[in-house]
């Protein structure tokens, strides 16, 4: 089978297409490279879109981690990998059972989610929708960069302030609010949650309390 070079329809070799264009057999060899080229472009566009939306990933991962009461995932959303390794090392050197510690933090999150059932009913879940983003620049960016350098010995390449519509829903009720979430791109480690301001609304989580590991 061949393809008509004029209209692109598939026709038997040597046959005349309805558009009256005769398709020589030797033209077949160009079809695969052209299709492959189109596929490569399509994939490249898709990858570009995913890469460009990388700042959204930590927000999605944050919500998933809280819904699943997964402290390990929660830590990875906020703390650079290199620093997490140091924290684990400090825990080991201090004879702290890292897995047991994570289990206790998971239990604390489970308790928080369970208490929400009083207001929203069973199967409480959070969801998030990014409605706006603003690039952090100037002194604000420098402050974040300095803090990451001091706290995590990590380099921040860029940062966004996101306006996120956070929703919570159970079998009995649902609610939503808009919060500000700061995300940063850490060199060699991708996008992380830097901070968020929920005004103590439905998304009443304090990162400082969750990630205070000074007792190590």
C-alpha atoms as a PDB file:
ATOM      1  CA  UNK A   1       0.000   0.000   0.000  1.00  0.00           C
ATOM      2  CA  UNK A   2       1.095   3.577  -0.680  1.00  0.00           C
ATOM      3  CA  UNK A   3      -0.094   7.059   0.130  1.00  0.00           C
ATOM      4  CA  UNK A   4      -1.299   9.655  -2.305  1.00  0.00           C
ATOM      5  CA  UNK A   5       1.217  12.559  -2.221  1.00  0.00           C
ATOM      6  CA  UNK A   6      -1.579  14.947  -3.069  1.00  0.00           C
ATOM      7  CA  UNK A   7      -4.316  14.097  -0.562  1.00  0.00           C
ATOM      8  CA  UNK A   8      -2.540  11.659   1.781  1.00  0.00           C
ATOM      9  CA  UNK A   9      -5.019   8.787   1.382  1.00  0.00           C
ATOM     10  CA  UNK A  10      -3.784   5.178   1.462  1.00  0.00           C
ATOM     11  CA  UNK A  11      -4.141   3.436  -1.906  1.00  0.00           C
ATOM     12  CA  UNK A  12      -2.881   0.184  -3.510  1.00  0.00           C
ATOM     13  CA  UNK A  13       0.556   0.416  -5.151  1.00  0.00           C
ATOM     14  CA  UNK A  14       0.272   1.866  -8.632  1.00  0.00           C
ATOM     15  CA  UNK A  15      -3.419   2.631  -8.219  1.00  0.00           C
ATOM     16  CA  UNK A  16      -5.022   5.941  -9.055  1.00  0.00           C
ATOM     17  CA  UNK A  17      -6.420   7.857  -6.103  1.00  0.00           C
ATOM     18  CA  UNK A  18      -9.819   9.527  -6.304  1.00  0.00           C
ATOM     19  CA  UNK A  19      -7.984  12.806  -6.647  1.00  0.00           C
ATOM     20  CA  UNK A  20      -6.450  11.329  -9.882  1.00  0.00           C
ATOM     21  CA  UNK A  21      -2.843  11.413  -8.617  1.00  0.00           C
ATOM     22  CA  UNK A  22      -0.782   8.326  -9.453  1.00  0.00           C
ATOM     23  CA  UNK A  23       1.344   7.195  -6.497  1.00  0.00           C
ATOM     24  CA  UNK A  24       4.702   5.730  -7.517  1.00  0.00           C
ATOM     25  CA  UNK A  25       6.043   2.919  -5.303  1.00  0.00           C
ATOM     26  CA  UNK A  26       9.352   4.667  -4.608  1.00  0.00           C
ATOM     27  CA  UNK A  27       7.590   7.483  -2.756  1.00  0.00           C
ATOM     28  CA  UNK A  28       6.847   5.048   0.095  1.00  0.00           C
ATOM     29  CA  UNK A  29      10.294   5.479   1.565  1.00  0.00           C
ATOM     30  CA  UNK A  30       9.509   9.063   2.524  1.00  0.00           C
ATOM     31  CA  UNK A  31       6.350   8.259   4.483  1.00  0.00           C
ATOM     32  CA  UNK A  32       7.941   6.708   7.565  1.00  0.00           C
ATOM     33  CA  UNK A  33      10.507   9.504   8.104  1.00  0.00           C
ATOM     34  CA  UNK A  34       7.819  12.158   7.749  1.00  0.00           C
ATOM     35  CA  UNK A  35       5.465  10.426  10.186  1.00  0.00           C
ATOM     36  CA  UNK A  36       8.368   9.834  12.567  1.00  0.00           C
ATOM     37  CA  UNK A  37       9.282  13.496  12.338  1.00  0.00           C
ATOM     38  CA  UNK A  38       5.751  14.565  13.170  1.00  0.00           C
ATOM     39  CA  UNK A  39       5.734  12.148  16.116  1.00  0.00           C
ATOM     40  CA  UNK A  40       9.010  13.555  17.418  1.00  0.00           C
ATOM     41  CA  UNK A  41       7.648  17.086  17.242  1.00  0.00           C
ATOM     42  CA  UNK A  42       4.451  16.031  19.028  1.00  0.00           C
ATOM     43  CA  UNK A  43       6.419  14.303  21.763  1.00  0.00           C
ATOM     44  CA  UNK A  44       8.727  17.304  22.076  1.00  0.00           C
ATOM     45  CA  UNK A  45       5.735  19.599  22.500  1.00  0.00           C
ATOM     46  CA  UNK A  46       4.267  17.284  25.105  1.00  0.00           C
ATOM     47  CA  UNK A  47       7.518  17.087  27.045  1.00  0.00           C
ATOM     48  CA  UNK A  48       7.884  20.850  26.836  1.00  0.00           C
ATOM     49  CA  UNK A  49       4.420  21.350  28.290  1.00  0.00           C
ATOM     50  CA  UNK A  50       5.112  18.947  31.138  1.00  0.00           C
ATOM     51  CA  UNK A  51       8.481  20.541  31.886  1.00  0.00           C
ATOM     52  CA  UNK A  52       6.965  24.008  31.786  1.00  0.00           C
ATOM     53  CA  UNK A  53       4.314  22.942  34.289  1.00  0.00           C
ATOM     54  CA  UNK A  54       6.842  21.492  36.727  1.00  0.00           C
ATOM     55  CA  UNK A  55       5.983  24.129  39.323  1.00  0.00           C
ATOM     56  CA  UNK A  56       2.528  22.526  39.665  1.00  0.00           C
ATOM     57  CA  UNK A  57       3.884  19.139  40.724  1.00  0.00           C
ATOM     58  CA  UNK A  58       4.780  19.943  44.347  1.00  0.00           C
ATOM     59  CA  UNK A  59       1.267  21.318  44.919  1.00  0.00           C
ATOM     60  CA  UNK A  60      -0.290  18.112  43.607  1.00  0.00           C
ATOM     61  CA  UNK A  61       2.178  16.008  45.589  1.00  0.00           C
ATOM     62  CA  UNK A  62       1.501  17.989  48.760  1.00  0.00           C
ATOM     63  CA  UNK A  63      -2.218  17.296  48.526  1.00  0.00           C
ATOM     64  CA  UNK A  64      -1.645  13.611  47.744  1.00  0.00           C
ATOM     65  CA  UNK A  65       0.735  13.258  50.682  1.00  0.00           C
ATOM     66  CA  UNK A  66      -1.737  14.820  53.119  1.00  0.00           C
ATOM     67  CA  UNK A  67      -4.678  12.799  51.804  1.00  0.00           C
ATOM     68  CA  UNK A  68      -2.660   9.602  52.212  1.00  0.00           C
ATOM     69  CA  UNK A  69      -1.103  10.752  55.506  1.00  0.00           C
ATOM     70  CA  UNK A  70       2.286  10.020  53.958  1.00  0.00           C
ATOM     71  CA  UNK A  71       4.982  11.925  55.867  1.00  0.00           C
ATOM     72  CA  UNK A  72       7.775  10.509  53.722  1.00  0.00           C
ATOM     73  CA  UNK A  73       6.147  12.002  50.632  1.00  0.00           C
ATOM     74  CA  UNK A  74       5.431  15.214  52.485  1.00  0.00           C
ATOM     75  CA  UNK A  75       9.085  15.587  53.420  1.00  0.00           C
ATOM     76  CA  UNK A  76      10.194  15.068  49.821  1.00  0.00           C
ATOM     77  CA  UNK A  77       7.803  17.803  48.654  1.00  0.00           C
ATOM     78  CA  UNK A  78       9.463  20.373  50.915  1.00  0.00           C
ATOM     79  CA  UNK A  79      13.018  19.354  51.745  1.00  0.00           C
ATOM     80  CA  UNK A  80      15.768  18.919  49.113  1.00  0.00           C
ATOM     81  CA  UNK A  81      16.958  15.329  48.718  1.00  0.00           C
ATOM     82  CA  UNK A  82      20.503  16.125  49.782  1.00  0.00           C
ATOM     83  CA  UNK A  83      19.220  17.597  53.045  1.00  0.00           C
ATOM     84  CA  UNK A  84      16.888  14.643  53.640  1.00  0.00           C
ATOM     85  CA  UNK A  85      19.894  12.356  53.473  1.00  0.00           C
ATOM     86  CA  UNK A  86      21.627  14.487  56.100  1.00  0.00           C
ATOM     87  CA  UNK A  87      18.539  14.383  58.323  1.00  0.00           C
ATOM     88  CA  UNK A  88      18.396  10.585  58.075  1.00  0.00           C
ATOM     89  CA  UNK A  89      22.106  10.390  58.889  1.00  0.00           C
ATOM     90  CA  UNK A  90      21.662  12.643  61.938  1.00  0.00           C
ATOM     91  CA  UNK A  91      18.750  10.471  63.059  1.00  0.00           C
ATOM     92  CA  UNK A  92      20.854   7.338  62.738  1.00  0.00           C
ATOM     93  CA  UNK A  93      23.779   8.924  64.584  1.00  0.00           C
ATOM     94  CA  UNK A  94      21.368   9.972  67.342  1.00  0.00           C
ATOM     95  CA  UNK A  95      20.071   6.398  67.579  1.00  0.00           C
ATOM     96  CA  UNK A  96      16.642   7.480  66.358  1.00  0.00           C
ATOM     97  CA  UNK A  97      14.546   4.938  64.474  1.00  0.00           C
ATOM     98  CA  UNK A  98      13.772   6.876  61.291  1.00  0.00           C
ATOM     99  CA  UNK A  99      10.959   4.581  60.160  1.00  0.00           C
ATOM    100  CA  UNK A 100       9.354   4.674  63.603  1.00  0.00           C
ATOM    101  CA  UNK A 101       9.563   8.469  63.557  1.00  0.00           C
ATOM    102  CA  UNK A 102       7.817   8.591  60.174  1.00  0.00           C
ATOM    103  CA  UNK A 103       5.138   6.247  61.494  1.00  0.00           C
ATOM    104  CA  UNK A 104       4.460   8.610  64.405  1.00  0.00           C
ATOM    105  CA  UNK A 105       4.214  11.576  62.060  1.00  0.00           C
ATOM    106  CA  UNK A 106       1.866   9.574  59.820  1.00  0.00           C
ATOM    107  CA  UNK A 107      -0.293   8.898  62.864  1.00  0.00           C
ATOM    108  CA  UNK A 108      -0.358  12.626  63.663  1.00  0.00           C
ATOM    109  CA  UNK A 109      -1.558  13.388  60.130  1.00  0.00           C
ATOM    110  CA  UNK A 110      -4.158  10.636  60.338  1.00  0.00           C
ATOM    111  CA  UNK A 111      -5.453  12.174  63.551  1.00  0.00           C
ATOM    112  CA  UNK A 112      -5.706  15.593  61.853  1.00  0.00           C
ATOM    113  CA  UNK A 113      -7.652  14.113  58.937  1.00  0.00           C
ATOM    114  CA  UNK A 114      -9.885  12.082  61.247  1.00  0.00           C
ATOM    115  CA  UNK A 115     -10.876  15.186  63.205  1.00  0.00           C
ATOM    116  CA  UNK A 116     -12.054  16.791  59.958  1.00  0.00           C
ATOM    117  CA  UNK A 117     -14.733  14.123  59.672  1.00  0.00           C
ATOM    118  CA  UNK A 118     -16.712  15.877  62.403  1.00  0.00           C
ATOM    119  CA  UNK A 119     -17.356  18.744  59.986  1.00  0.00           C
ATOM    120  CA  UNK A 120     -17.195  17.077  56.563  1.00  0.00           C
ATOM    121  CA  UNK A 121     -18.153  13.453  57.091  1.00  0.00           C
ATOM    122  CA  UNK A 122     -16.344  10.282  56.040  1.00  0.00           C
ATOM    123  CA  UNK A 123     -13.713  10.011  53.296  1.00  0.00           C
ATOM    124  CA  UNK A 124     -12.375  13.547  53.677  1.00  0.00           C
ATOM    125  CA  UNK A 125     -10.105  14.543  50.814  1.00  0.00           C
ATOM    126  CA  UNK A 126      -8.275  17.702  49.805  1.00  0.00           C
ATOM    127  CA  UNK A 127      -7.901  18.879  46.221  1.00  0.00           C
ATOM    128  CA  UNK A 128      -6.092  21.851  44.718  1.00  0.00           C
ATOM    129  CA  UNK A 129      -6.419  23.973  41.605  1.00  0.00           C
ATOM    130  CA  UNK A 130      -3.818  26.566  40.636  1.00  0.00           C
ATOM    131  CA  UNK A 131      -5.659  29.659  39.438  1.00  0.00           C
ATOM    132  CA  UNK A 132      -2.804  32.143  39.131  1.00  0.00           C
ATOM    133  CA  UNK A 133       0.973  32.414  39.333  1.00  0.00           C
ATOM    134  CA  UNK A 134       3.367  35.303  39.807  1.00  0.00           C
ATOM    135  CA  UNK A 135       7.129  35.155  39.449  1.00  0.00           C
ATOM    136  CA  UNK A 136       9.017  36.096  42.601  1.00  0.00           C
ATOM    137  CA  UNK A 137      11.712  38.668  41.826  1.00  0.00           C
ATOM    138  CA  UNK A 138      14.167  41.095  43.390  1.00  0.00           C
ATOM    139  CA  UNK A 139      14.578  41.259  47.149  1.00  0.00           C
ATOM    140  CA  UNK A 140      11.852  38.678  47.768  1.00  0.00           C
ATOM    141  CA  UNK A 141      13.672  36.123  45.626  1.00  0.00           C
ATOM    142  CA  UNK A 142      17.002  36.981  47.248  1.00  0.00           C
ATOM    143  CA  UNK A 143      15.491  36.442  50.712  1.00  0.00           C
ATOM    144  CA  UNK A 144      14.255  32.985  49.685  1.00  0.00           C
ATOM    145  CA  UNK A 145      17.600  32.135  48.115  1.00  0.00           C
ATOM    146  CA  UNK A 146      19.472  33.161  51.249  1.00  0.00           C
ATOM    147  CA  UNK A 147      17.132  31.156  53.468  1.00  0.00           C
ATOM    148  CA  UNK A 148      17.518  28.024  51.361  1.00  0.00           C
ATOM    149  CA  UNK A 149      21.263  28.456  51.322  1.00  0.00           C
ATOM    150  CA  UNK A 150      21.390  28.836  55.116  1.00  0.00           C
ATOM    151  CA  UNK A 151      18.855  26.128  55.941  1.00  0.00           C
ATOM    152  CA  UNK A 152      19.459  23.496  53.288  1.00  0.00           C
ATOM    153  CA  UNK A 153      22.757  24.503  51.646  1.00  0.00           C
ATOM    154  CA  UNK A 154      20.784  24.437  48.400  1.00  0.00           C
ATOM    155  CA  UNK A 155      20.599  26.857  45.475  1.00  0.00           C
ATOM    156  CA  UNK A 156      17.237  28.251  44.374  1.00  0.00           C
ATOM    157  CA  UNK A 157      17.031  29.058  40.666  1.00  0.00           C
ATOM    158  CA  UNK A 158      13.540  30.626  40.563  1.00  0.00           C
ATOM    159  CA  UNK A 159      10.347  30.951  42.583  1.00  0.00           C
ATOM    160  CA  UNK A 160       6.634  31.506  42.003  1.00  0.00           C
ATOM    161  CA  UNK A 161       3.851  32.732  44.214  1.00  0.00           C
ATOM    162  CA  UNK A 162       0.803  30.677  43.311  1.00  0.00           C
ATOM    163  CA  UNK A 163      -2.808  31.427  44.043  1.00  0.00           C
ATOM    164  CA  UNK A 164      -4.356  28.043  44.757  1.00  0.00           C
ATOM    165  CA  UNK A 165      -7.997  27.168  45.263  1.00  0.00           C
ATOM    166  CA  UNK A 166      -7.870  24.540  47.983  1.00  0.00           C
ATOM    167  CA  UNK A 167     -10.973  22.411  48.448  1.00  0.00           C
ATOM    168  CA  UNK A 168     -11.990  19.848  51.037  1.00  0.00           C
ATOM    169  CA  UNK A 169     -14.861  17.428  50.667  1.00  0.00           C
ATOM    170  CA  UNK A 170     -16.370  14.573  52.635  1.00  0.00           C
ATOM    171  CA  UNK A 171     -19.645  12.695  52.398  1.00  0.00           C
ATOM    172  CA  UNK A 172     -21.433  15.308  54.489  1.00  0.00           C
ATOM    173  CA  UNK A 173     -20.080  18.685  53.368  1.00  0.00           C
ATOM    174  CA  UNK A 174     -17.482  20.519  51.299  1.00  0.00           C
ATOM    175  CA  UNK A 175     -15.662  23.832  51.413  1.00  0.00           C
ATOM    176  CA  UNK A 176     -12.972  25.779  49.578  1.00  0.00           C
ATOM    177  CA  UNK A 177     -10.657  28.737  50.003  1.00  0.00           C
ATOM    178  CA  UNK A 178      -7.916  30.483  48.064  1.00  0.00           C
ATOM    179  CA  UNK A 179      -4.440  30.325  49.574  1.00  0.00           C
ATOM    180  CA  UNK A 180      -1.013  31.572  48.553  1.00  0.00           C
ATOM    181  CA  UNK A 181       1.607  28.890  47.940  1.00  0.00           C
ATOM    182  CA  UNK A 182       5.263  29.614  47.266  1.00  0.00           C
ATOM    183  CA  UNK A 183       7.164  27.084  45.165  1.00  0.00           C
ATOM    184  CA  UNK A 184      10.883  27.156  44.390  1.00  0.00           C
ATOM    185  CA  UNK A 185      13.055  25.417  41.829  1.00  0.00           C
ATOM    186  CA  UNK A 186      16.050  23.935  43.625  1.00  0.00           C
ATOM    187  CA  UNK A 187      19.151  23.340  41.532  1.00  0.00           C
ATOM    188  CA  UNK A 188      19.539  19.636  40.840  1.00  0.00           C
ATOM    189  CA  UNK A 189      16.373  18.707  42.748  1.00  0.00           C
ATOM    190  CA  UNK A 190      13.387  20.196  40.929  1.00  0.00           C
ATOM    191  CA  UNK A 191      10.440  22.098  42.370  1.00  0.00           C
ATOM    192  CA  UNK A 192       9.645  22.201  46.096  1.00  0.00           C
ATOM    193  CA  UNK A 193       7.052  23.815  48.345  1.00  0.00           C
ATOM    194  CA  UNK A 194       8.647  26.752  50.145  1.00  0.00           C
ATOM    195  CA  UNK A 195       5.728  28.028  52.190  1.00  0.00           C
ATOM    196  CA  UNK A 196       2.005  28.682  52.116  1.00  0.00           C
ATOM    197  CA  UNK A 197      -0.419  31.039  53.792  1.00  0.00           C
ATOM    198  CA  UNK A 198      -3.839  29.560  54.491  1.00  0.00           C
ATOM    199  CA  UNK A 199      -4.959  32.235  56.985  1.00  0.00           C
ATOM    200  CA  UNK A 200      -5.814  29.344  59.328  1.00  0.00           C
ATOM    201  CA  UNK A 201      -8.754  28.351  57.137  1.00  0.00           C
ATOM    202  CA  UNK A 202      -9.708  24.885  55.924  1.00  0.00           C
ATOM    203  CA  UNK A 203      -6.084  24.118  55.056  1.00  0.00           C
ATOM    204  CA  UNK A 204      -4.713  24.594  58.551  1.00  0.00           C
ATOM    205  CA  UNK A 205      -1.314  22.910  58.331  1.00  0.00           C
ATOM    206  CA  UNK A 206       1.878  24.410  59.722  1.00  0.00           C
ATOM    207  CA  UNK A 207       5.026  23.326  57.902  1.00  0.00           C
ATOM    208  CA  UNK A 208       7.206  24.518  60.781  1.00  0.00           C
ATOM    209  CA  UNK A 209       5.451  22.118  63.155  1.00  0.00           C
ATOM    210  CA  UNK A 210       5.533  19.203  60.721  1.00  0.00           C
ATOM    211  CA  UNK A 211       9.181  19.572  59.766  1.00  0.00           C
ATOM    212  CA  UNK A 212      10.741  20.664  63.041  1.00  0.00           C
ATOM    213  CA  UNK A 213      13.572  18.149  63.364  1.00  0.00           C
ATOM    214  CA  UNK A 214      15.706  20.208  65.776  1.00  0.00           C
ATOM    215  CA  UNK A 215      15.384  17.387  68.319  1.00  0.00           C
ATOM    216  CA  UNK A 216      17.823  15.408  66.215  1.00  0.00           C
END
